[in-house]
Structure formats: structure tokens, C-alpha cells
Amino acid sequence: MRNPFRRLPRRPDEPPPPYRSPLRPAQVRERCFTVRRHGLDPAEIRAFLHRVADELAVAQTTVVALREENVRVKNALRAWQSAQSAQHRYR
């Protein structure tokens, strides 16, 4: 059975997909949509976008904090490994 979600290879003459930078909370808050005759309630959409932007801001802040902690833990592990190898070298 074939996997329907398998990505097909790109043709050699096809350009790569455009790079998209990460979405920022301000971009969500300031996003405007075309108003249609029988469209959705603009106030409801705006409230939802603010909620999404707030959650996005929290998530991005958490990612930055976790990256910093990851660097700190890796540096501590390297220091510990160096200390361990120095103690057991050429006895």
C-alpha cells in the first residue's frame, strides 16, 4: 500500500519552495482579512487572532529559554566529561 502523504521529489527545473521566516505575534495581531457580505464577525476574528498571538509569544519565549538552558547543560556536560577524562588519564 502506498503512503498518500509521501512527498514527491522535486523536478530539477522546479525552483525550491520559498523560505518563510517564523510568524511573529505582531504579524498575527495586525493581520487583516477581506470583508465579505456574509463574512465572519470581525470582532470575533480579531479576538481570536490576539489569543493566537499571545500563545505564539509565550511559545517563542519558551523556545528561547529552552535553547539557552540547552547550551548551559551542554557546556556543563562537556566540563564534567573533561574533568572525568582528566582524572582517569594514564594512571
N, C-alpha and C. Protein backbone atom coordinates (compact mmCIF):
# COMPACT_ATOMS: atom_id res chain seq x y z
N MET A 1 0.84 -1.17 0.00
CA MET A 1 0.00 0.00 0.00
C MET A 1 0.89 1.25 0.00
N ARG A 2 0.59 2.18 -0.85
CA ARG A 2 1.40 3.40 -0.97
C ARG A 2 1.01 4.41 0.10
N ASN A 3 2.00 5.16 0.54
CA ASN A 3 1.76 6.20 1.53
C ASN A 3 1.23 7.44 0.81
N PRO A 4 -0.02 7.86 1.09
CA PRO A 4 -0.57 9.03 0.38
C PRO A 4 0.10 10.34 0.79
N PHE A 5 0.84 10.34 1.91
CA PHE A 5 1.46 11.57 2.39
C PHE A 5 2.93 11.67 1.99
N ARG A 6 3.41 10.71 1.23
CA ARG A 6 4.80 10.72 0.79
C ARG A 6 5.05 11.91 -0.11
N ARG A 7 6.15 12.61 0.14
CA ARG A 7 6.48 13.78 -0.70
C ARG A 7 7.11 13.30 -1.99
N LEU A 8 6.66 13.86 -3.07
CA LEU A 8 7.24 13.53 -4.36
C LEU A 8 8.51 14.34 -4.56
N PRO A 9 9.51 13.77 -5.21
CA PRO A 9 10.75 14.54 -5.43
C PRO A 9 10.49 15.72 -6.36
N ARG A 10 11.25 16.77 -6.12
CA ARG A 10 11.14 17.97 -6.95
C ARG A 10 11.80 17.72 -8.29
N ARG A 11 11.21 18.27 -9.34
CA ARG A 11 11.86 18.20 -10.65
C ARG A 11 13.09 19.08 -10.63
N PRO A 12 14.13 18.73 -11.39
CA PRO A 12 15.37 19.54 -11.39
C PRO A 12 15.15 20.98 -11.83
N ASP A 13 14.19 21.23 -12.73
CA ASP A 13 13.97 22.58 -13.22
C ASP A 13 13.00 23.38 -12.34
N GLU A 14 12.45 22.74 -11.31
CA GLU A 14 11.49 23.40 -10.43
C GLU A 14 12.24 24.14 -9.32
N PRO A 15 11.91 25.41 -9.08
CA PRO A 15 12.61 26.15 -8.03
C PRO A 15 12.21 25.62 -6.65
N PRO A 16 13.08 25.79 -5.65
CA PRO A 16 12.73 25.33 -4.30
C PRO A 16 11.60 26.18 -3.73
N PRO A 17 10.87 25.65 -2.75
CA PRO A 17 9.79 26.44 -2.17
C PRO A 17 10.36 27.67 -1.48
N PRO A 18 9.61 28.77 -1.44
CA PRO A 18 10.15 30.00 -0.83
C PRO A 18 10.35 29.82 0.67
N TYR A 19 11.41 30.43 1.19
CA TYR A 19 11.68 30.37 2.63
C TYR A 19 10.73 31.31 3.33
N ARG A 20 10.15 30.83 4.38
CA ARG A 20 9.27 31.67 5.18
C ARG A 20 9.88 31.83 6.56
N SER A 21 10.00 33.08 7.00
CA SER A 21 10.51 33.32 8.33
C SER A 21 9.42 32.97 9.34
N PRO A 22 9.81 32.71 10.59
CA PRO A 22 8.80 32.37 11.60
C PRO A 22 7.79 33.49 11.78
N LEU A 23 6.57 33.11 12.03
CA LEU A 23 5.49 34.06 12.23
C LEU A 23 5.68 34.75 13.58
N ARG A 24 5.55 36.05 13.59
CA ARG A 24 5.70 36.81 14.83
C ARG A 24 4.32 37.18 15.36
N PRO A 25 4.21 37.34 16.69
CA PRO A 25 2.91 37.68 17.28
C PRO A 25 2.30 38.96 16.69
N ALA A 26 3.13 39.96 16.42
CA ALA A 26 2.62 41.21 15.85
C ALA A 26 2.00 40.98 14.48
N GLN A 27 2.57 40.05 13.71
CA GLN A 27 2.01 39.75 12.39
C GLN A 27 0.61 39.15 12.52
N VAL A 28 0.40 38.37 13.56
CA VAL A 28 -0.93 37.77 13.77
C VAL A 28 -1.90 38.86 14.20
N ARG A 29 -1.47 39.70 15.15
CA ARG A 29 -2.36 40.76 15.65
C ARG A 29 -2.77 41.74 14.55
N GLU A 30 -1.85 42.05 13.65
CA GLU A 30 -2.11 43.08 12.64
C GLU A 30 -2.71 42.53 11.35
N ARG A 31 -2.91 41.24 11.27
CA ARG A 31 -3.43 40.62 10.05
C ARG A 31 -4.85 41.12 9.76
N CYS A 32 -5.09 41.52 8.53
CA CYS A 32 -6.41 41.97 8.11
C CYS A 32 -6.94 41.02 7.05
N PHE A 33 -8.24 40.86 7.03
CA PHE A 33 -8.89 39.98 6.07
C PHE A 33 -9.90 40.78 5.27
N THR A 34 -10.20 40.29 4.09
CA THR A 34 -11.20 40.93 3.24
C THR A 34 -12.58 40.70 3.84
N VAL A 35 -13.34 41.79 3.93
CA VAL A 35 -14.69 41.68 4.48
C VAL A 35 -15.64 41.32 3.34
N ARG A 36 -16.42 40.32 3.54
CA ARG A 36 -17.41 39.86 2.55
C ARG A 36 -18.81 40.15 3.06
N ARG A 37 -19.72 40.06 2.19
CA ARG A 37 -21.11 40.35 2.52
C ARG A 37 -21.63 39.45 3.65
N HIS A 38 -21.40 38.17 3.53
CA HIS A 38 -21.87 37.22 4.55
C HIS A 38 -20.69 36.64 5.30
N GLY A 39 -19.71 37.48 5.61
CA GLY A 39 -18.48 37.01 6.25
C GLY A 39 -18.64 36.78 7.74
N LEU A 40 -17.51 36.54 8.36
CA LEU A 40 -17.47 36.29 9.79
C LEU A 40 -17.42 37.61 10.55
N ASP A 41 -17.69 37.54 11.84
CA ASP A 41 -17.69 38.72 12.70
C ASP A 41 -16.25 39.21 12.88
N PRO A 42 -15.95 40.42 12.41
CA PRO A 42 -14.57 40.93 12.51
C PRO A 42 -14.07 41.01 13.96
N ALA A 43 -14.93 41.36 14.91
CA ALA A 43 -14.51 41.44 16.31
C ALA A 43 -14.11 40.06 16.84
N GLU A 44 -14.85 39.05 16.44
CA GLU A 44 -14.54 37.68 16.88
C GLU A 44 -13.21 37.22 16.28
N ILE A 45 -12.99 37.54 15.02
CA ILE A 45 -11.73 37.17 14.37
C ILE A 45 -10.58 37.89 15.05
N ARG A 46 -10.74 39.19 15.31
CA ARG A 46 -9.68 39.97 15.96
C ARG A 46 -9.36 39.40 17.34
N ALA A 47 -10.39 39.04 18.13
CA ALA A 47 -10.16 38.47 19.46
C ALA A 47 -9.39 37.14 19.35
N PHE A 48 -9.78 36.33 18.38
CA PHE A 48 -9.09 35.05 18.19
C PHE A 48 -7.64 35.26 17.78
N LEU A 49 -7.39 36.21 16.89
CA LEU A 49 -6.02 36.48 16.46
C LEU A 49 -5.17 36.98 17.62
N HIS A 50 -5.74 37.78 18.49
CA HIS A 50 -4.99 38.24 19.67
C HIS A 50 -4.66 37.06 20.59
N ARG A 51 -5.60 36.14 20.75
CA ARG A 51 -5.35 34.96 21.58
C ARG A 51 -4.22 34.12 20.97
N VAL A 52 -4.27 33.91 19.65
CA VAL A 52 -3.23 33.13 18.97
C VAL A 52 -1.88 33.84 19.11
N ALA A 53 -1.87 35.16 18.95
CA ALA A 53 -0.63 35.92 19.06
C ALA A 53 -0.04 35.82 20.46
N ASP A 54 -0.89 35.88 21.48
CA ASP A 54 -0.41 35.75 22.86
C ASP A 54 0.21 34.37 23.08
N GLU A 55 -0.45 33.32 22.61
CA GLU A 55 0.08 31.97 22.77
C GLU A 55 1.38 31.79 21.98
N LEU A 56 1.45 32.41 20.81
CA LEU A 56 2.67 32.34 20.00
C LEU A 56 3.82 33.04 20.70
N ALA A 57 3.56 34.17 21.33
CA ALA A 57 4.60 34.89 22.06
C ALA A 57 5.12 34.05 23.22
N VAL A 58 4.23 33.39 23.95
CA VAL A 58 4.64 32.53 25.05
C VAL A 58 5.48 31.37 24.53
N ALA A 59 5.04 30.76 23.44
CA ALA A 59 5.77 29.62 22.87
C ALA A 59 7.17 30.04 22.41
N GLN A 60 7.27 31.19 21.74
CA GLN A 60 8.58 31.65 21.26
C GLN A 60 9.50 32.01 22.41
N THR A 61 8.97 32.60 23.47
CA THR A 61 9.77 32.91 24.65
C THR A 61 10.27 31.63 25.31
N THR A 62 9.42 30.62 25.37
CA THR A 62 9.80 29.34 25.95
C THR A 62 10.90 28.68 25.13
N VAL A 63 10.81 28.77 23.80
CA VAL A 63 11.83 28.18 22.94
C VAL A 63 13.18 28.84 23.19
N VAL A 64 13.20 30.17 23.31
CA VAL A 64 14.45 30.88 23.56
C VAL A 64 15.04 30.44 24.91
N ALA A 65 14.20 30.36 25.95
CA ALA A 65 14.68 29.94 27.26
C ALA A 65 15.21 28.51 27.23
N LEU A 66 14.53 27.63 26.52
CA LEU A 66 14.98 26.24 26.43
C LEU A 66 16.29 26.12 25.66
N ARG A 67 16.45 26.92 24.63
CA ARG A 67 17.72 26.90 23.88
C ARG A 67 18.88 27.35 24.77
N GLU A 68 18.64 28.41 25.56
CA GLU A 68 19.68 28.88 26.47
C GLU A 68 20.01 27.82 27.51
N GLU A 69 18.99 27.16 28.05
CA GLU A 69 19.21 26.09 29.03
C GLU A 69 19.96 24.93 28.39
N ASN A 70 19.62 24.61 27.15
CA ASN A 70 20.29 23.53 26.43
C ASN A 70 21.78 23.82 26.29
N VAL A 71 22.14 25.06 25.95
CA VAL A 71 23.54 25.44 25.84
C VAL A 71 24.23 25.31 27.19
N ARG A 72 23.55 25.77 28.25
CA ARG A 72 24.12 25.68 29.59
C ARG A 72 24.36 24.22 29.99
N VAL A 73 23.40 23.35 29.75
CA VAL A 73 23.53 21.94 30.10
C VAL A 73 24.64 21.27 29.28
N LYS A 74 24.72 21.58 28.00
CA LYS A 74 25.77 21.00 27.16
C LYS A 74 27.15 21.44 27.64
N ASN A 75 27.29 22.71 27.99
CA ASN A 75 28.58 23.20 28.49
C ASN A 75 28.95 22.53 29.81
N ALA A 76 27.96 22.35 30.70
CA ALA A 76 28.22 21.67 31.97
C ALA A 76 28.61 20.22 31.73
N LEU A 77 27.96 19.55 30.79
CA LEU A 77 28.29 18.16 30.48
C LEU A 77 29.70 18.06 29.92
N ARG A 78 30.07 18.98 29.02
CA ARG A 78 31.43 18.96 28.46
C ARG A 78 32.47 19.16 29.56
N ALA A 79 32.20 20.09 30.47
CA ALA A 79 33.13 20.34 31.57
C ALA A 79 33.25 19.11 32.45
N TRP A 80 32.14 18.47 32.76
CA TRP A 80 32.16 17.26 33.58
C TRP A 80 32.92 16.14 32.88
N GLN A 81 32.66 15.97 31.57
CA GLN A 81 33.37 14.93 30.82
C GLN A 81 34.87 15.20 30.78
N SER A 82 35.25 16.44 30.61
CA SER A 82 36.67 16.79 30.61
C SER A 82 37.31 16.49 31.96
N ALA A 83 36.59 16.84 33.04
CA ALA A 83 37.11 16.56 34.38
C ALA A 83 37.24 15.06 34.61
N GLN A 84 36.26 14.29 34.15
CA GLN A 84 36.31 12.84 34.32
C GLN A 84 37.45 12.23 33.53
N SER A 85 37.64 12.68 32.30
CA SER A 85 38.72 12.11 31.48
C SER A 85 40.09 12.51 32.02
N ALA A 86 40.19 13.70 32.62
CA ALA A 86 41.47 14.13 33.19
C ALA A 86 41.83 13.30 34.41
N GLN A 87 40.83 12.87 35.19
CA GLN A 87 41.10 12.06 36.38
C GLN A 87 41.55 10.65 36.03
N HIS A 88 41.09 10.10 34.94
CA HIS A 88 41.35 8.72 34.57
C HIS A 88 42.39 8.56 33.47
N ARG A 89 43.13 9.59 33.20
CA ARG A 89 44.08 9.52 32.10
C ARG A 89 45.43 8.97 32.57
N TYR A 90 45.95 8.01 31.88
CA TYR A 90 47.32 7.49 32.03
C TYR A 90 47.72 7.23 33.48
N ARG A 91 47.02 6.40 34.16
CA ARG A 91 47.40 6.05 35.53
C ARG A 91 48.46 5.03 35.55
